[in-house]
């Protein structure tokens, strides 16, 4: 019950391999399997609580306005020139960022139908307020992912 057949496992591995082949060479730091799963879970939760900015235009605008958060960038964007300035903006603003292999997975986590280049996870919603309990859960998950991303960044340099 619940275990996949060999054919399903092989097709899933093939899909994973194709995703990794499509990733651009500048996509560093790239999230591993576990960190990617945790990051997309954080994006999904932030989307539910309206704490998410989607797309290059919105993300850049938010960063320039001084909003703090955590940036997640898709690694399989073509042409890559569309998002090459986003990591630089993040570094200048001291915002942690990480690449995930698939723009489709990022869009699914962000509750949109269109593939998304990047998202900015905010710690509090742009409009309105969250309940204290929900705010605490989101903040704890956010801090955990950001700590792991900082560890990955430190291992690169």
C-alpha atoms as a PDB file:
ATOM      1  CA  UNK A   1       0.000   0.000   0.000  1.00  0.00           C
ATOM      2  CA  UNK A   2       1.505   3.384  -0.748  1.00  0.00           C
ATOM      3  CA  UNK A   3       4.720   2.088  -2.346  1.00  0.00           C
ATOM      4  CA  UNK A   4       5.360   3.050  -5.957  1.00  0.00           C
ATOM      5  CA  UNK A   5       5.928   0.500  -8.667  1.00  0.00           C
ATOM      6  CA  UNK A   6       9.330   0.279 -10.360  1.00  0.00           C
ATOM      7  CA  UNK A   7       8.013   1.971 -13.518  1.00  0.00           C
ATOM      8  CA  UNK A   8       6.688   4.965 -11.537  1.00  0.00           C
ATOM      9  CA  UNK A   9       9.975   5.284  -9.658  1.00  0.00           C
ATOM     10  CA  UNK A  10      12.021   5.223 -12.857  1.00  0.00           C
ATOM     11  CA  UNK A  11       9.814   7.863 -14.537  1.00  0.00           C
ATOM     12  CA  UNK A  12      10.070  10.040 -11.437  1.00  0.00           C
ATOM     13  CA  UNK A  13      13.876   9.723 -11.437  1.00  0.00           C
ATOM     14  CA  UNK A  14      13.910  10.590 -15.137  1.00  0.00           C
ATOM     15  CA  UNK A  15      11.862  13.736 -14.456  1.00  0.00           C
ATOM     16  CA  UNK A  16      14.244  14.719 -11.632  1.00  0.00           C
ATOM     17  CA  UNK A  17      17.226  14.213 -13.941  1.00  0.00           C
ATOM     18  CA  UNK A  18      15.667  16.365 -16.673  1.00  0.00           C
ATOM     19  CA  UNK A  19      14.973  19.136 -14.142  1.00  0.00           C
ATOM     20  CA  UNK A  20      18.609  19.129 -13.049  1.00  0.00           C
ATOM     21  CA  UNK A  21      19.844  19.259 -16.664  1.00  0.00           C
ATOM     22  CA  UNK A  22      17.731  22.362 -17.344  1.00  0.00           C
ATOM     23  CA  UNK A  23      19.265  24.313 -14.442  1.00  0.00           C
ATOM     24  CA  UNK A  24      21.416  27.265 -15.515  1.00  0.00           C
ATOM     25  CA  UNK A  25      25.124  27.206 -14.617  1.00  0.00           C
ATOM     26  CA  UNK A  26      24.857  30.447 -12.614  1.00  0.00           C
ATOM     27  CA  UNK A  27      22.229  28.979 -10.278  1.00  0.00           C
ATOM     28  CA  UNK A  28      24.369  28.961  -7.138  1.00  0.00           C
ATOM     29  CA  UNK A  29      23.579  28.231  -4.308  1.00  0.00           C
ATOM     30  CA  UNK A  30      21.225  25.536  -5.528  1.00  0.00           C
ATOM     31  CA  UNK A  31      19.020  23.919  -2.898  1.00  0.00           C
ATOM     32  CA  UNK A  32      19.442  20.203  -2.340  1.00  0.00           C
ATOM     33  CA  UNK A  33      16.477  17.845  -2.340  1.00  0.00           C
ATOM     34  CA  UNK A  34      15.654  18.254   1.354  1.00  0.00           C
ATOM     35  CA  UNK A  35      16.213  22.026   1.474  1.00  0.00           C
ATOM     36  CA  UNK A  36      14.235  22.451  -1.748  1.00  0.00           C
ATOM     37  CA  UNK A  37      11.267  20.596  -0.260  1.00  0.00           C
ATOM     38  CA  UNK A  38      11.418  22.676   2.926  1.00  0.00           C
ATOM     39  CA  UNK A  39      11.760  25.921   0.944  1.00  0.00           C
ATOM     40  CA  UNK A  40       8.762  25.156  -1.264  1.00  0.00           C
ATOM     41  CA  UNK A  41       6.750  24.279   1.858  1.00  0.00           C
ATOM     42  CA  UNK A  42       7.636  27.710   3.295  1.00  0.00           C
ATOM     43  CA  UNK A  43       6.576  29.368   0.019  1.00  0.00           C
ATOM     44  CA  UNK A  44       3.257  27.491   0.128  1.00  0.00           C
ATOM     45  CA  UNK A  45       2.588  28.564   3.716  1.00  0.00           C
ATOM     46  CA  UNK A  46       3.554  32.182   2.949  1.00  0.00           C
ATOM     47  CA  UNK A  47       1.220  32.142  -0.042  1.00  0.00           C
ATOM     48  CA  UNK A  48      -1.667  30.998   2.149  1.00  0.00           C
ATOM     49  CA  UNK A  49      -1.038  33.912   4.550  1.00  0.00           C
ATOM     50  CA  UNK A  50      -0.547  36.510   1.784  1.00  0.00           C
ATOM     51  CA  UNK A  51       3.126  37.028   2.696  1.00  0.00           C
ATOM     52  CA  UNK A  52       4.478  36.456  -0.811  1.00  0.00           C
ATOM     53  CA  UNK A  53       5.611  38.637  -3.703  1.00  0.00           C
ATOM     54  CA  UNK A  54       5.643  36.805  -7.061  1.00  0.00           C
ATOM     55  CA  UNK A  55       7.560  37.604 -10.236  1.00  0.00           C
ATOM     56  CA  UNK A  56      10.675  39.583 -11.026  1.00  0.00           C
ATOM     57  CA  UNK A  57       8.935  42.951 -11.199  1.00  0.00           C
ATOM     58  CA  UNK A  58       7.202  42.631  -7.808  1.00  0.00           C
ATOM     59  CA  UNK A  59      10.279  41.166  -6.099  1.00  0.00           C
ATOM     60  CA  UNK A  60      12.612  43.898  -7.364  1.00  0.00           C
ATOM     61  CA  UNK A  61      10.118  46.596  -6.379  1.00  0.00           C
ATOM     62  CA  UNK A  62       9.797  45.161  -2.865  1.00  0.00           C
ATOM     63  CA  UNK A  63      13.562  44.865  -2.396  1.00  0.00           C
ATOM     64  CA  UNK A  64      14.111  48.446  -3.573  1.00  0.00           C
ATOM     65  CA  UNK A  65      11.431  49.670  -1.157  1.00  0.00           C
ATOM     66  CA  UNK A  66      13.338  48.073   1.715  1.00  0.00           C
ATOM     67  CA  UNK A  67      11.122  45.086   2.487  1.00  0.00           C
ATOM     68  CA  UNK A  68      13.012  42.256   4.159  1.00  0.00           C
ATOM     69  CA  UNK A  69      12.423  38.612   3.506  1.00  0.00           C
ATOM     70  CA  UNK A  70      13.801  35.531   1.784  1.00  0.00           C
ATOM     71  CA  UNK A  71      14.150  35.279  -1.994  1.00  0.00           C
ATOM     72  CA  UNK A  72      13.612  32.005  -3.880  1.00  0.00           C
ATOM     73  CA  UNK A  73      14.743  31.971  -7.520  1.00  0.00           C
ATOM     74  CA  UNK A  74      14.038  29.320 -10.145  1.00  0.00           C
ATOM     75  CA  UNK A  75      17.159  27.849 -11.735  1.00  0.00           C
ATOM     76  CA  UNK A  76      15.688  26.773 -15.068  1.00  0.00           C
ATOM     77  CA  UNK A  77      14.793  30.205 -16.451  1.00  0.00           C
ATOM     78  CA  UNK A  78      15.462  30.808 -20.116  1.00  0.00           C
ATOM     79  CA  UNK A  79      16.884  33.313 -20.981  1.00  0.00           C
ATOM     80  CA  UNK A  80      18.734  33.574 -17.685  1.00  0.00           C
ATOM     81  CA  UNK A  81      19.314  37.319 -18.244  1.00  0.00           C
ATOM     82  CA  UNK A  82      15.792  37.919 -16.927  1.00  0.00           C
ATOM     83  CA  UNK A  83      16.850  37.219 -13.330  1.00  0.00           C
ATOM     84  CA  UNK A  84      20.621  37.820 -13.214  1.00  0.00           C
ATOM     85  CA  UNK A  85      20.202  41.134 -11.382  1.00  0.00           C
ATOM     86  CA  UNK A  86      18.025  39.701  -8.580  1.00  0.00           C
ATOM     87  CA  UNK A  87      20.843  37.976  -6.600  1.00  0.00           C
ATOM     88  CA  UNK A  88      22.899  41.173  -6.728  1.00  0.00           C
ATOM     89  CA  UNK A  89      19.993  43.207  -5.349  1.00  0.00           C
ATOM     90  CA  UNK A  90      19.511  40.596  -2.619  1.00  0.00           C
ATOM     91  CA  UNK A  91      23.188  40.716  -1.629  1.00  0.00           C
ATOM     92  CA  UNK A  92      23.169  44.522  -1.481  1.00  0.00           C
ATOM     93  CA  UNK A  93      20.077  44.460   0.752  1.00  0.00           C
ATOM     94  CA  UNK A  94      21.330  41.554   2.937  1.00  0.00           C
ATOM     95  CA  UNK A  95      18.438  39.350   1.875  1.00  0.00           C
ATOM     96  CA  UNK A  96      19.170  35.605   1.798  1.00  0.00           C
ATOM     97  CA  UNK A  97      18.378  33.869  -1.490  1.00  0.00           C
ATOM     98  CA  UNK A  98      18.499  30.381  -2.945  1.00  0.00           C
ATOM     99  CA  UNK A  99      17.827  28.737  -6.281  1.00  0.00           C
ATOM    100  CA  UNK A 100      15.403  25.848  -6.717  1.00  0.00           C
ATOM    101  CA  UNK A 101      15.598  23.589  -9.801  1.00  0.00           C
ATOM    102  CA  UNK A 102      12.128  24.163 -11.266  1.00  0.00           C
ATOM    103  CA  UNK A 103      10.021  27.247 -12.010  1.00  0.00           C
ATOM    104  CA  UNK A 104       6.944  25.008 -12.285  1.00  0.00           C
ATOM    105  CA  UNK A 105       7.408  23.676  -8.745  1.00  0.00           C
ATOM    106  CA  UNK A 106       7.927  27.229  -7.492  1.00  0.00           C
ATOM    107  CA  UNK A 107       4.669  28.313  -9.143  1.00  0.00           C
ATOM    108  CA  UNK A 108       2.770  25.375  -7.634  1.00  0.00           C
ATOM    109  CA  UNK A 109       4.062  26.237  -4.178  1.00  0.00           C
ATOM    110  CA  UNK A 110       3.160  29.893  -4.714  1.00  0.00           C
ATOM    111  CA  UNK A 111      -0.405  28.991  -5.745  1.00  0.00           C
ATOM    112  CA  UNK A 112      -0.173  30.292  -9.326  1.00  0.00           C
ATOM    113  CA  UNK A 113      -0.837  28.512 -12.585  1.00  0.00           C
ATOM    114  CA  UNK A 114       1.931  30.285 -14.533  1.00  0.00           C
ATOM    115  CA  UNK A 115       5.590  29.315 -14.002  1.00  0.00           C
ATOM    116  CA  UNK A 116       7.257  31.840 -11.692  1.00  0.00           C
ATOM    117  CA  UNK A 117      10.849  33.109 -11.960  1.00  0.00           C
ATOM    118  CA  UNK A 118      11.240  34.220  -8.360  1.00  0.00           C
ATOM    119  CA  UNK A 119       9.320  34.913  -5.190  1.00  0.00           C
ATOM    120  CA  UNK A 120      10.023  36.948  -2.069  1.00  0.00           C
ATOM    121  CA  UNK A 121       8.789  35.459   1.195  1.00  0.00           C
ATOM    122  CA  UNK A 122       7.958  38.236   3.654  1.00  0.00           C
ATOM    123  CA  UNK A 123       7.819  37.766   7.406  1.00  0.00           C
ATOM    124  CA  UNK A 124       4.519  39.635   7.726  1.00  0.00           C
ATOM    125  CA  UNK A 125       1.700  40.273   5.242  1.00  0.00           C
ATOM    126  CA  UNK A 126       1.687  43.465   3.193  1.00  0.00           C
ATOM    127  CA  UNK A 127      -1.930  44.154   4.159  1.00  0.00           C
ATOM    128  CA  UNK A 128      -3.774  43.163   7.305  1.00  0.00           C
ATOM    129  CA  UNK A 129      -2.510  41.113  10.206  1.00  0.00           C
ATOM    130  CA  UNK A 130      -1.951  37.463  11.032  1.00  0.00           C
ATOM    131  CA  UNK A 131      -2.992  35.780  14.222  1.00  0.00           C
ATOM    132  CA  UNK A 132      -0.198  35.453  16.799  1.00  0.00           C
ATOM    133  CA  UNK A 133      -0.170  31.651  16.492  1.00  0.00           C
ATOM    134  CA  UNK A 134       0.017  31.675  12.692  1.00  0.00           C
ATOM    135  CA  UNK A 135       2.658  34.437  12.751  1.00  0.00           C
ATOM    136  CA  UNK A 136       4.774  32.375  15.157  1.00  0.00           C
ATOM    137  CA  UNK A 137       4.566  29.217  12.995  1.00  0.00           C
ATOM    138  CA  UNK A 138       5.482  31.115   9.833  1.00  0.00           C
ATOM    139  CA  UNK A 139       8.363  32.901  11.566  1.00  0.00           C
ATOM    140  CA  UNK A 140       9.757  29.631  12.993  1.00  0.00           C
ATOM    141  CA  UNK A 141       9.666  27.914   9.595  1.00  0.00           C
ATOM    142  CA  UNK A 142      11.143  31.026   7.949  1.00  0.00           C
ATOM    143  CA  UNK A 143      14.029  31.143  10.466  1.00  0.00           C
ATOM    144  CA  UNK A 144      14.773  27.441   9.995  1.00  0.00           C
ATOM    145  CA  UNK A 145      14.983  27.723   6.190  1.00  0.00           C
ATOM    146  CA  UNK A 146      17.042  30.946   6.330  1.00  0.00           C
ATOM    147  CA  UNK A 147      19.513  29.309   8.730  1.00  0.00           C
ATOM    148  CA  UNK A 148      19.983  26.377   6.356  1.00  0.00           C
ATOM    149  CA  UNK A 149      20.392  28.733   3.382  1.00  0.00           C
ATOM    150  CA  UNK A 150      23.035  30.721   5.262  1.00  0.00           C
ATOM    151  CA  UNK A 151      24.911  27.482   5.967  1.00  0.00           C
ATOM    152  CA  UNK A 152      24.817  26.588   2.256  1.00  0.00           C
ATOM    153  CA  UNK A 153      26.023  30.095   1.346  1.00  0.00           C
ATOM    154  CA  UNK A 154      28.877  29.872   3.853  1.00  0.00           C
ATOM    155  CA  UNK A 155      30.009  26.546   2.404  1.00  0.00           C
ATOM    156  CA  UNK A 156      30.242  28.134  -1.073  1.00  0.00           C
ATOM    157  CA  UNK A 157      32.724  30.809  -0.064  1.00  0.00           C
END
